[in-house]
Amino acid sequence: MRWKCSAAALDVLAGVFRDDLLPVLLPILKETLFHPDWEAKESGILVLGAVAEGCLSGISPHLPELIPFLINSLSEKRALVRSITCWTLSRYAHWVVSQPHEAYLQRLMTELLKRILDSNKRVQEAACSAFATLEEEACTELVPYLSFILETLVFAFNKYQHKNLLILYDAIGTLADSVGHHLNKPEFINMLMPPLIQKWNQLKDEDKDLFPLLECLSSVATALRSGFLPYAEPVFQRCVSLVEQTLAQSVASQTHPDQFDPPDKDFMIVALDLLSGLAEGLEGQIEQFVIRSNTMTLLYQCMQDKMPEVRQSSFALLGDLTKACFQHVKPCIGKHKPQASYFVCHLLTVKIKLLLGNTCGCSQCTLGDFLPILGQNLDPEFISVCNNATWAIGEISVQLGSDMKQYINLVLQQLITIINRPYTPKTLQENTGKFQRSKVEALATERECWSL
């Protein structure tokens, strides 16, 4: 613990003094890194990782010697040395990737994969985390090695226990994000999907271990595109069921707080995110699942949830569905006279009746207006919610074209305020600009308000 605190302090010092710290530090590093005592060596490796960001410029000339030394240290007898070396190497992953592959990347990747299968759980964890960092830096440069990488990660499914299994999901999801559609090959799919689906089938709906698995599958579904189609229907149905159950529990807890506890809405959030991944990956092929479900009805309710994270994921899903199957979104866009009644889905009411064991009245299931809800969420104080709402509006406006003019007053003033707001984040500006670039005649009279 003291060493970790000292390393954190060194990280701060390196960030402040930069390379000016090296004349003091390098002599100490030379002594500790090559010290015969393993604890001294471990401390030196820890220090080398701690100063990686702040002193990178000055330490770079030494890396051609240090990186091979660190890679060799991955095979040290002491597990603590192996684990801290994984972390330190991850801090220099960007530099490694910038060099010719045969110089460092190939060997580093090989040795990290060995450590992923290490007999020590702490080393497994450190190696998995380090490899995820390497994946983020290398991206598609890992494509030539995908078969080797997947063999190791899939083998780890049978080796890892609970905690490290969650980190393994992250490594697989990061790999999918990094290599994208290059993962969509039959041989890769046949290696990767069976263990993921096996875990998917083993976990119950209320098991919180579903969170990282759903996040992992979201990345995998997006990367595999049509290659995920054979697995899509049960995944889609379960995600819809998770959203439905959470909404039902939420309504039940509000209506009968003495009988029902509020649900953990993280289940709904990760389910919405996976549905977004399916929509992005399958594109138009997702229509067959949407048309046979109450997805749009549930989405309408999620868009009005009090929890910002739920609304954020809801708007992302709306945007992805708009791109993938707009014919099912268009009827929900808006009506000239929005209904003011509080929306309670019939299916949720039925579930609540079953939970309570009695009968209760139910209202008709109506979709109402999506765009007014989007307009109400154009608040930069909730930046992620606002960003996703703006993006969804942009995608809808692209699909509607000139037909957007009948809805423009629902969102236009809020968007003008956002684009003229000081220090508006770049992504939010881009999403707002996408709406402006859509071919909506009604925008012509407002051009002077847009400071683009």
Protein backbone atom coordinates (compact mmCIF):
# COMPACT_ATOMS: atom_id res chain seq x y z
CA MET A 1 0.00 0.00 0.00
CA ARG A 2 2.83 2.43 0.85
CA TRP A 3 4.50 1.67 -2.49
CA LYS A 4 1.23 2.37 -4.33
CA CYS A 5 0.85 5.71 -2.54
CA SER A 6 4.46 6.58 -3.36
CA ALA A 7 3.89 5.63 -7.00
CA ALA A 8 0.80 7.84 -7.12
CA ALA A 9 2.85 10.72 -5.70
CA LEU A 10 5.54 10.13 -8.34
CA ASP A 11 2.87 10.20 -11.03
CA VAL A 12 1.82 13.64 -9.83
CA LEU A 13 5.42 14.87 -9.58
CA ALA A 14 6.15 13.62 -13.09
CA GLY A 15 3.10 15.46 -14.36
CA VAL A 16 4.35 18.69 -12.79
CA PHE A 17 8.11 18.56 -13.36
CA ARG A 18 8.15 16.42 -16.51
CA ASP A 19 11.62 15.52 -17.76
CA ASP A 20 13.27 17.69 -15.10
CA LEU A 21 12.58 14.81 -12.73
CA LEU A 22 14.73 12.36 -14.68
CA PRO A 23 18.23 13.47 -13.58
CA VAL A 24 17.22 12.55 -10.04
CA LEU A 25 15.19 9.49 -10.98
CA LEU A 26 17.28 7.68 -13.60
CA PRO A 27 20.22 6.75 -11.31
CA ILE A 28 17.76 5.29 -8.81
CA LEU A 29 15.97 3.37 -11.57
CA LYS A 30 19.21 1.87 -12.87
CA GLU A 31 19.99 0.61 -9.41
CA THR A 32 16.57 -0.84 -8.59
CA LEU A 33 15.57 -2.30 -11.95
CA PHE A 34 18.61 -4.55 -12.07
CA HIS A 35 18.78 -5.21 -8.34
CA PRO A 36 19.15 -8.90 -7.34
CA ASP A 37 16.47 -8.52 -4.66
CA TRP A 38 13.04 -9.06 -6.26
CA GLU A 39 11.29 -6.52 -4.03
CA ALA A 40 13.71 -3.78 -5.06
CA LYS A 41 13.23 -4.76 -8.70
CA GLU A 42 9.46 -4.65 -8.32
CA SER A 43 9.66 -1.14 -6.84
CA GLY A 44 11.76 0.03 -9.79
CA ILE A 45 9.29 -1.39 -12.31
CA LEU A 46 6.45 0.31 -10.43
CA VAL A 47 8.28 3.65 -10.55
CA LEU A 48 8.92 3.24 -14.27
CA GLY A 49 5.21 2.84 -14.84
CA ALA A 50 4.31 5.73 -12.54
CA VAL A 51 6.34 8.28 -14.51
CA ALA A 52 5.31 6.97 -17.95
CA GLU A 53 2.98 9.83 -18.83
CA GLY A 54 4.81 12.76 -17.29
CA CYS A 55 8.34 11.81 -18.37
CA LEU A 56 7.65 10.01 -21.65
CA SER A 57 9.63 12.44 -23.78
CA GLY A 58 12.78 12.14 -21.72
CA ILE A 59 12.51 8.44 -21.09
CA SER A 60 11.73 7.47 -24.71
CA PRO A 61 15.43 7.21 -25.73
CA HIS A 62 15.82 4.54 -23.05
CA LEU A 63 12.77 2.51 -24.07
CA PRO A 64 14.52 0.38 -26.73
CA GLU A 65 16.48 -1.08 -23.82
CA LEU A 66 13.76 -0.94 -21.17
CA ILE A 67 10.87 -2.53 -23.10
CA PRO A 68 12.73 -5.82 -23.80
CA PHE A 69 13.80 -5.84 -20.15
CA LEU A 70 10.18 -5.46 -19.06
CA ILE A 71 8.97 -8.14 -21.47
CA ASN A 72 11.55 -10.52 -20.00
CA SER A 73 10.33 -9.58 -16.53
CA LEU A 74 6.90 -11.00 -17.41
CA SER A 75 8.49 -14.41 -16.86
CA GLU A 76 9.89 -13.59 -13.42
CA LYS A 77 9.44 -16.22 -10.73
CA ARG A 78 7.67 -13.84 -8.33
CA ALA A 79 4.00 -13.23 -9.19
CA LEU A 80 4.11 -9.65 -7.85
CA VAL A 81 6.87 -8.79 -10.29
CA ARG A 82 4.91 -10.32 -13.16
CA SER A 83 1.72 -8.45 -12.27
CA ILE A 84 3.33 -5.02 -11.81
CA THR A 85 5.27 -5.51 -15.05
CA CYS A 86 1.97 -6.03 -16.89
CA TRP A 87 0.74 -2.68 -15.61
CA THR A 88 3.97 -0.84 -16.41
CA LEU A 89 4.04 -2.21 -19.96
CA SER A 90 0.45 -1.04 -20.46
CA ARG A 91 1.62 2.49 -19.64
CA TYR A 92 4.00 2.34 -22.60
CA ALA A 93 1.58 0.60 -24.99
CA HIS A 94 1.24 3.67 -27.20
CA TRP A 95 5.01 3.84 -27.73
CA VAL A 96 5.22 0.10 -28.42
CA VAL A 97 2.50 0.28 -31.07
CA SER A 98 4.23 3.22 -32.75
CA GLN A 99 7.31 1.07 -33.44
CA PRO A 100 7.63 -1.64 -36.14
CA HIS A 101 5.61 -4.69 -35.12
CA GLU A 102 8.53 -7.06 -35.19
CA ALA A 103 10.48 -4.81 -32.82
CA TYR A 104 8.27 -5.08 -29.72
CA LEU A 105 4.55 -5.56 -30.40
CA GLN A 106 4.62 -9.19 -31.48
CA ARG A 107 6.69 -10.34 -28.53
CA LEU A 108 4.80 -8.19 -26.03
CA MET A 109 1.48 -9.52 -27.28
CA THR A 110 2.72 -13.11 -27.08
CA GLU A 111 4.04 -12.75 -23.54
CA LEU A 112 0.95 -10.90 -22.27
CA LEU A 113 -1.27 -13.65 -23.67
CA LYS A 114 0.83 -16.18 -21.76
CA ARG A 115 0.32 -14.20 -18.59
CA ILE A 116 -3.44 -14.09 -19.25
CA LEU A 117 -3.25 -17.86 -18.69
CA ASP A 118 -0.94 -17.48 -15.68
CA SER A 119 -1.55 -19.73 -12.69
CA ASN A 120 -1.73 -16.70 -10.38
CA LYS A 121 -5.08 -14.87 -10.32
CA ARG A 122 -3.50 -11.49 -9.64
CA VAL A 123 -1.26 -11.87 -12.69
CA GLN A 124 -4.25 -12.97 -14.78
CA GLU A 125 -6.09 -9.80 -13.79
CA ALA A 126 -3.13 -7.51 -14.51
CA ALA A 127 -2.40 -9.19 -17.84
CA CYS A 128 -6.02 -8.99 -18.98
CA SER A 129 -6.20 -5.29 -18.12
CA ALA A 130 -2.86 -4.60 -19.80
CA PHE A 131 -3.93 -6.46 -22.93
CA ALA A 132 -7.15 -4.43 -23.09
CA THR A 133 -5.02 -1.27 -23.05
CA LEU A 134 -2.83 -2.70 -25.81
CA GLU A 135 -5.97 -3.47 -27.84
CA GLU A 136 -7.13 0.14 -27.55
CA GLU A 137 -3.77 1.42 -28.78
CA ALA A 138 -3.18 -1.12 -31.53
CA CYS A 139 -6.74 -1.30 -32.93
CA THR A 140 -6.75 -2.92 -36.39
CA GLU A 141 -3.01 -3.60 -36.21
CA LEU A 142 -4.02 -6.66 -34.18
CA VAL A 143 -6.01 -8.14 -37.08
CA PRO A 144 -3.17 -10.42 -38.32
CA TYR A 145 -3.00 -11.97 -34.86
CA LEU A 146 -6.73 -12.40 -34.19
CA SER A 147 -6.74 -16.19 -34.32
CA PHE A 148 -3.95 -16.45 -31.76
CA ILE A 149 -5.58 -13.82 -29.53
CA LEU A 150 -9.01 -15.47 -29.61
CA GLU A 151 -7.59 -18.91 -28.86
CA THR A 152 -6.08 -17.53 -25.66
CA LEU A 153 -9.10 -15.49 -24.57
CA VAL A 154 -11.51 -18.37 -25.21
CA PHE A 155 -9.27 -20.80 -23.32
CA ALA A 156 -9.33 -18.37 -20.38
CA PHE A 157 -13.10 -18.89 -20.06
CA ASN A 158 -12.46 -22.35 -18.66
CA LYS A 159 -9.64 -21.14 -16.41
CA TYR A 160 -10.97 -17.94 -14.85
CA GLN A 161 -13.00 -17.63 -11.69
CA HIS A 162 -15.70 -15.05 -11.00
CA LYS A 163 -13.73 -11.80 -10.57
CA ASN A 164 -11.30 -12.27 -13.43
CA LEU A 165 -14.09 -13.47 -15.71
CA LEU A 166 -15.55 -9.96 -15.53
CA ILE A 167 -12.20 -8.53 -16.66
CA LEU A 168 -12.07 -11.09 -19.47
CA TYR A 169 -15.42 -9.80 -20.75
CA ASP A 170 -13.89 -6.33 -20.90
CA ALA A 171 -10.86 -7.58 -22.84
CA ILE A 172 -13.12 -9.32 -25.38
CA GLY A 173 -15.39 -6.30 -25.72
CA THR A 174 -12.40 -3.99 -26.18
CA LEU A 175 -11.00 -6.33 -28.83
CA ALA A 176 -14.31 -6.17 -30.70
CA ASP A 177 -14.34 -2.37 -30.47
CA SER A 178 -10.74 -2.21 -31.68
CA VAL A 179 -10.84 -4.54 -34.70
CA GLY A 180 -14.50 -4.01 -35.65
CA HIS A 181 -15.82 -5.91 -38.66
CA HIS A 182 -12.54 -7.82 -39.04
CA LEU A 183 -13.97 -10.08 -36.33
CA ASN A 184 -16.83 -11.07 -38.66
CA LYS A 185 -15.32 -14.27 -40.03
CA PRO A 186 -16.84 -17.74 -39.54
CA GLU A 187 -13.72 -19.14 -37.88
CA PHE A 188 -13.60 -16.28 -35.37
CA ILE A 189 -17.36 -16.39 -34.70
CA ASN A 190 -17.23 -20.15 -34.09
CA MET A 191 -14.44 -19.66 -31.57
CA LEU A 192 -15.87 -16.69 -29.70
CA MET A 193 -19.64 -17.06 -29.56
CA PRO A 194 -20.14 -20.52 -27.96
CA PRO A 195 -18.49 -19.62 -24.61
CA LEU A 196 -20.23 -16.24 -24.53
CA ILE A 197 -23.64 -17.78 -25.19
CA GLN A 198 -22.93 -20.50 -22.63
CA LYS A 199 -22.31 -17.84 -19.97
CA TRP A 200 -25.37 -15.95 -21.21
CA ASN A 201 -27.55 -19.02 -20.68
CA GLN A 202 -26.09 -19.76 -17.25
CA LEU A 203 -26.82 -16.35 -15.75
CA LYS A 204 -30.25 -15.50 -14.37
CA ASP A 205 -31.97 -12.20 -15.15
CA GLU A 206 -31.35 -10.86 -11.64
CA ASP A 207 -27.64 -11.79 -11.63
CA LYS A 208 -25.49 -8.65 -11.66
CA ASP A 209 -22.79 -10.56 -13.55
CA LEU A 210 -25.04 -9.94 -16.55
CA PHE A 211 -23.84 -6.31 -16.65
CA PRO A 212 -20.32 -6.90 -17.99
CA LEU A 213 -21.52 -9.75 -20.23
CA LEU A 214 -24.20 -7.53 -21.80
CA GLU A 215 -21.63 -4.77 -22.33
CA CYS A 216 -19.28 -7.28 -23.94
CA LEU A 217 -22.00 -8.67 -26.21
CA SER A 218 -22.95 -5.14 -27.27
CA SER A 219 -19.44 -4.58 -28.64
CA VAL A 220 -19.33 -8.06 -30.18
CA ALA A 221 -22.73 -7.64 -31.88
CA THR A 222 -21.67 -4.31 -33.37
CA ALA A 223 -18.41 -5.80 -34.66
CA LEU A 224 -19.89 -9.03 -36.06
CA ARG A 225 -22.66 -7.24 -37.95
CA SER A 226 -24.68 -9.87 -39.85
CA GLY A 227 -22.43 -12.54 -38.35
CA PHE A 228 -24.32 -12.09 -35.07
CA LEU A 229 -27.68 -12.83 -36.70
CA PRO A 230 -27.83 -16.55 -35.70
CA TYR A 231 -27.59 -15.48 -32.05
CA ALA A 232 -29.65 -12.30 -32.28
CA GLU A 233 -33.23 -13.38 -31.60
CA PRO A 234 -32.84 -14.84 -28.07
CA VAL A 235 -30.50 -11.98 -27.14
CA PHE A 236 -32.97 -9.40 -28.45
CA GLN A 237 -35.90 -11.03 -26.66
CA ARG A 238 -34.08 -11.24 -23.35
CA CYS A 239 -33.02 -7.59 -23.53
CA VAL A 240 -36.61 -6.54 -24.19
CA SER A 241 -37.71 -8.72 -21.28
CA LEU A 242 -35.13 -7.13 -18.97
CA VAL A 243 -36.38 -3.66 -19.88
CA GLU A 244 -39.98 -4.74 -19.43
CA GLN A 245 -39.34 -6.34 -16.04
CA THR A 246 -37.45 -3.31 -14.76
CA LEU A 247 -40.19 -0.91 -15.85
CA ALA A 248 -42.84 -3.11 -14.25
CA GLN A 249 -40.89 -3.25 -10.98
CA SER A 250 -40.41 0.51 -11.09
CA VAL A 251 -44.13 1.18 -11.51
CA ALA A 252 -44.95 -1.40 -8.83
CA SER A 253 -42.54 0.18 -6.33
CA GLN A 254 -44.04 3.62 -6.98
CA THR A 255 -47.62 2.39 -6.74
CA HIS A 256 -47.09 0.05 -3.78
CA PRO A 257 -43.86 1.11 -2.04
CA ASP A 258 -44.75 -0.97 0.99
CA GLN A 259 -44.72 -4.17 -1.08
CA PHE A 260 -42.02 -3.62 -3.71
CA ASP A 261 -38.48 -2.24 -3.60
CA PRO A 262 -37.26 0.01 -6.43
CA PRO A 263 -35.48 -2.01 -9.13
CA ASP A 264 -31.82 -1.81 -10.06
CA LYS A 265 -32.12 0.14 -13.30
CA ASP A 266 -28.62 -0.83 -14.39
CA PHE A 267 -30.24 -3.99 -15.80
CA MET A 268 -32.37 -1.83 -18.06
CA ILE A 269 -29.47 0.42 -19.04
CA VAL A 270 -27.18 -2.39 -20.18
CA ALA A 271 -30.11 -4.07 -21.97
CA LEU A 272 -30.85 -0.85 -23.88
CA ASP A 273 -27.17 -0.54 -24.77
CA LEU A 274 -27.09 -4.10 -26.11
CA LEU A 275 -30.21 -3.42 -28.18
CA SER A 276 -28.34 -0.42 -29.60
CA GLY A 277 -25.40 -2.67 -30.43
CA LEU A 278 -27.74 -5.09 -32.19
CA ALA A 279 -29.36 -2.28 -34.19
CA GLU A 280 -26.00 -0.84 -35.18
CA GLY A 281 -24.58 -4.23 -36.14
CA LEU A 282 -27.58 -5.84 -37.83
CA GLU A 283 -28.87 -2.63 -39.42
CA GLY A 284 -32.03 -3.40 -41.42
CA GLN A 285 -32.01 -7.04 -40.35
CA ILE A 286 -33.15 -6.02 -36.88
CA GLU A 287 -36.57 -5.11 -38.28
CA GLN A 288 -37.75 -8.73 -38.03
CA PHE A 289 -37.29 -8.58 -34.25
CA VAL A 290 -38.63 -5.06 -33.72
CA ILE A 291 -41.85 -5.76 -35.60
CA ARG A 292 -42.62 -8.77 -33.37
CA SER A 293 -41.97 -6.92 -30.11
CA ASN A 294 -43.17 -3.96 -28.06
CA THR A 295 -39.76 -2.28 -28.31
CA MET A 296 -41.06 1.13 -29.37
CA THR A 297 -43.64 1.17 -26.57
CA LEU A 298 -41.02 0.33 -23.96
CA LEU A 299 -38.60 2.84 -25.47
CA TYR A 300 -41.19 5.59 -25.12
CA GLN A 301 -41.43 4.89 -21.40
CA CYS A 302 -37.64 4.67 -20.95
CA MET A 303 -37.21 8.05 -22.64
CA GLN A 304 -39.22 9.62 -19.80
CA ASP A 305 -37.40 7.90 -16.95
CA LYS A 306 -36.18 10.10 -14.10
CA MET A 307 -32.73 8.52 -14.20
CA PRO A 308 -30.46 10.38 -16.69
CA GLU A 309 -28.50 7.24 -17.57
CA VAL A 310 -31.70 5.49 -18.66
CA ARG A 311 -32.67 8.41 -20.90
CA GLN A 312 -29.13 8.56 -22.30
CA SER A 313 -29.25 4.91 -23.37
CA SER A 314 -32.83 5.30 -24.63
CA PHE A 315 -31.93 8.13 -26.97
CA ALA A 316 -28.93 6.18 -28.27
CA LEU A 317 -31.23 3.26 -29.08
CA LEU A 318 -33.73 5.59 -30.74
CA GLY A 319 -30.98 6.97 -32.97
CA ASP A 320 -29.75 3.51 -33.92
CA LEU A 321 -33.28 2.28 -34.67
CA THR A 322 -33.88 5.40 -36.75
CA LYS A 323 -30.91 4.47 -38.92
CA ALA A 324 -31.73 0.75 -39.03
CA CYS A 325 -35.52 0.60 -39.46
CA PHE A 326 -37.04 4.08 -39.61
CA GLN A 327 -40.37 2.68 -40.81
CA HIS A 328 -41.02 1.55 -37.23
CA VAL A 329 -39.86 4.81 -35.67
CA LYS A 330 -41.74 7.17 -37.97
CA PRO A 331 -45.24 6.46 -36.57
CA CYS A 332 -43.94 7.43 -33.12
CA ILE A 333 -42.32 10.73 -34.10
CA GLY A 334 -45.17 13.03 -33.23
CA LYS A 335 -48.74 14.10 -33.50
CA HIS A 336 -50.01 17.63 -33.84
CA LYS A 337 -51.87 17.33 -30.52
CA PRO A 338 -49.67 15.45 -28.09
CA GLN A 339 -51.56 13.42 -25.51
CA ALA A 340 -51.13 14.70 -21.98
CA SER A 341 -52.14 11.50 -20.18
CA TYR A 342 -49.51 9.64 -18.19
CA PHE A 343 -48.24 6.67 -20.16
CA VAL A 344 -48.45 3.21 -18.60
CA CYS A 345 -47.92 0.31 -20.98
CA HIS A 346 -50.62 -2.37 -20.94
CA LEU A 347 -47.99 -5.11 -20.66
CA LEU A 348 -46.48 -3.44 -17.60
CA THR A 349 -49.90 -3.17 -16.00
CA VAL A 350 -50.56 -6.85 -16.58
CA LYS A 351 -47.22 -7.70 -14.97
CA ILE A 352 -48.01 -5.52 -11.96
CA LYS A 353 -51.38 -7.27 -11.57
CA LEU A 354 -49.57 -10.58 -11.53
CA LEU A 355 -47.10 -9.27 -8.97
CA LEU A 356 -49.89 -7.99 -6.73
CA GLY A 357 -52.12 -10.99 -7.20
CA ASN A 358 -55.19 -8.85 -7.89
CA THR A 359 -56.79 -6.82 -10.63
CA CYS A 360 -56.29 -3.15 -11.31
CA GLY A 361 -57.35 -0.74 -14.00
CA CYS A 362 -55.15 -0.18 -16.99
CA SER A 363 -54.91 2.61 -19.50
CA GLN A 364 -54.55 2.22 -23.21
CA CYS A 365 -51.01 1.89 -24.54
CA THR A 366 -50.27 5.00 -26.57
CA LEU A 367 -46.97 6.13 -28.04
CA GLY A 368 -47.63 9.86 -28.04
CA ASP A 369 -44.79 12.09 -29.23
CA PHE A 370 -41.09 11.23 -29.28
CA LEU A 371 -39.82 14.60 -30.47
CA PRO A 372 -41.27 16.66 -27.59
CA ILE A 373 -39.47 14.33 -25.18
CA LEU A 374 -36.25 14.77 -27.12
CA GLY A 375 -36.73 18.53 -27.03
CA GLN A 376 -37.22 18.47 -23.26
CA ASN A 377 -33.86 16.72 -22.88
CA LEU A 378 -31.78 19.25 -24.79
CA ASP A 379 -30.22 20.44 -21.55
CA PRO A 380 -26.39 20.76 -21.64
CA GLU A 381 -26.30 20.39 -17.86
CA PHE A 382 -26.85 16.67 -18.54
CA ILE A 383 -24.28 16.56 -21.30
CA SER A 384 -24.45 12.85 -22.22
CA VAL A 385 -28.25 12.84 -22.26
CA CYS A 386 -28.29 16.04 -24.29
CA ASN A 387 -25.70 14.72 -26.72
CA ASN A 388 -27.63 11.51 -27.42
CA ALA A 389 -30.93 13.36 -27.72
CA THR A 390 -29.35 15.77 -30.21
CA TRP A 391 -27.88 12.87 -32.19
CA ALA A 392 -31.27 11.12 -32.32
CA ILE A 393 -32.92 14.34 -33.54
CA GLY A 394 -30.26 14.64 -36.23
CA GLU A 395 -30.83 11.07 -37.43
CA ILE A 396 -34.60 11.61 -37.48
CA SER A 397 -34.22 14.86 -39.43
CA VAL A 398 -32.00 13.11 -41.99
CA GLN A 399 -34.69 10.47 -42.51
CA LEU A 400 -37.60 12.92 -42.62
CA GLY A 401 -35.94 15.56 -44.77
CA SER A 402 -38.40 18.33 -45.58
CA ASP A 403 -41.12 16.58 -43.57
CA MET A 404 -39.22 17.61 -40.46
CA LYS A 405 -40.54 21.16 -40.80
CA GLN A 406 -43.84 20.27 -39.07
CA TYR A 407 -41.91 19.31 -35.93
CA ILE A 408 -39.11 21.85 -36.05
CA ASN A 409 -40.53 24.19 -33.42
CA LEU A 410 -40.37 21.38 -30.87
CA VAL A 411 -36.57 21.40 -30.85
CA LEU A 412 -35.20 24.33 -32.84
CA GLN A 413 -34.86 26.96 -30.12
CA GLN A 414 -33.13 24.54 -27.75
CA LEU A 415 -30.66 23.53 -30.47
CA ILE A 416 -29.89 27.16 -31.30
CA THR A 417 -29.19 27.80 -27.62
CA ILE A 418 -26.83 24.81 -27.49
CA ILE A 419 -24.85 25.74 -30.59
CA ASN A 420 -24.37 29.32 -29.35
CA ARG A 421 -23.44 28.25 -25.83
CA PRO A 422 -19.80 28.93 -24.85
CA TYR A 423 -17.58 25.88 -24.49
CA THR A 424 -20.09 23.48 -26.02
CA PRO A 425 -18.30 20.10 -26.38
CA LYS A 426 -17.23 19.24 -29.92
CA THR A 427 -19.37 16.11 -30.20
CA LEU A 428 -22.46 18.05 -29.16
CA GLN A 429 -21.66 20.75 -31.73
CA GLU A 430 -21.28 18.09 -34.42
CA ASN A 431 -24.58 16.44 -33.56
CA THR A 432 -26.34 19.80 -33.51
CA GLY A 433 -24.74 20.66 -36.83
CA LYS A 434 -26.04 17.43 -38.33
CA PHE A 435 -29.58 18.65 -37.69
CA GLN A 436 -28.76 22.01 -39.27
CA ARG A 437 -27.37 20.31 -42.39
CA SER A 438 -30.57 18.32 -42.92
CA LYS A 439 -32.69 19.60 -45.75
CA VAL A 440 -35.40 21.33 -43.73
CA GLU A 441 -36.80 24.39 -45.43
CA ALA A 442 -37.96 25.91 -42.16
CA LEU A 443 -34.34 26.27 -41.09
CA ALA A 444 -33.73 28.87 -43.78
CA THR A 445 -35.41 31.63 -41.80
CA GLU A 446 -33.32 30.80 -38.73
CA ARG A 447 -29.84 30.71 -40.32
CA GLU A 448 -28.75 33.95 -38.70
CA CYS A 449 -29.24 32.33 -35.30
CA TRP A 450 -26.72 29.55 -36.01
CA SER A 451 -23.15 30.66 -35.33
CA LEU A 452 -21.49 27.85 -37.29
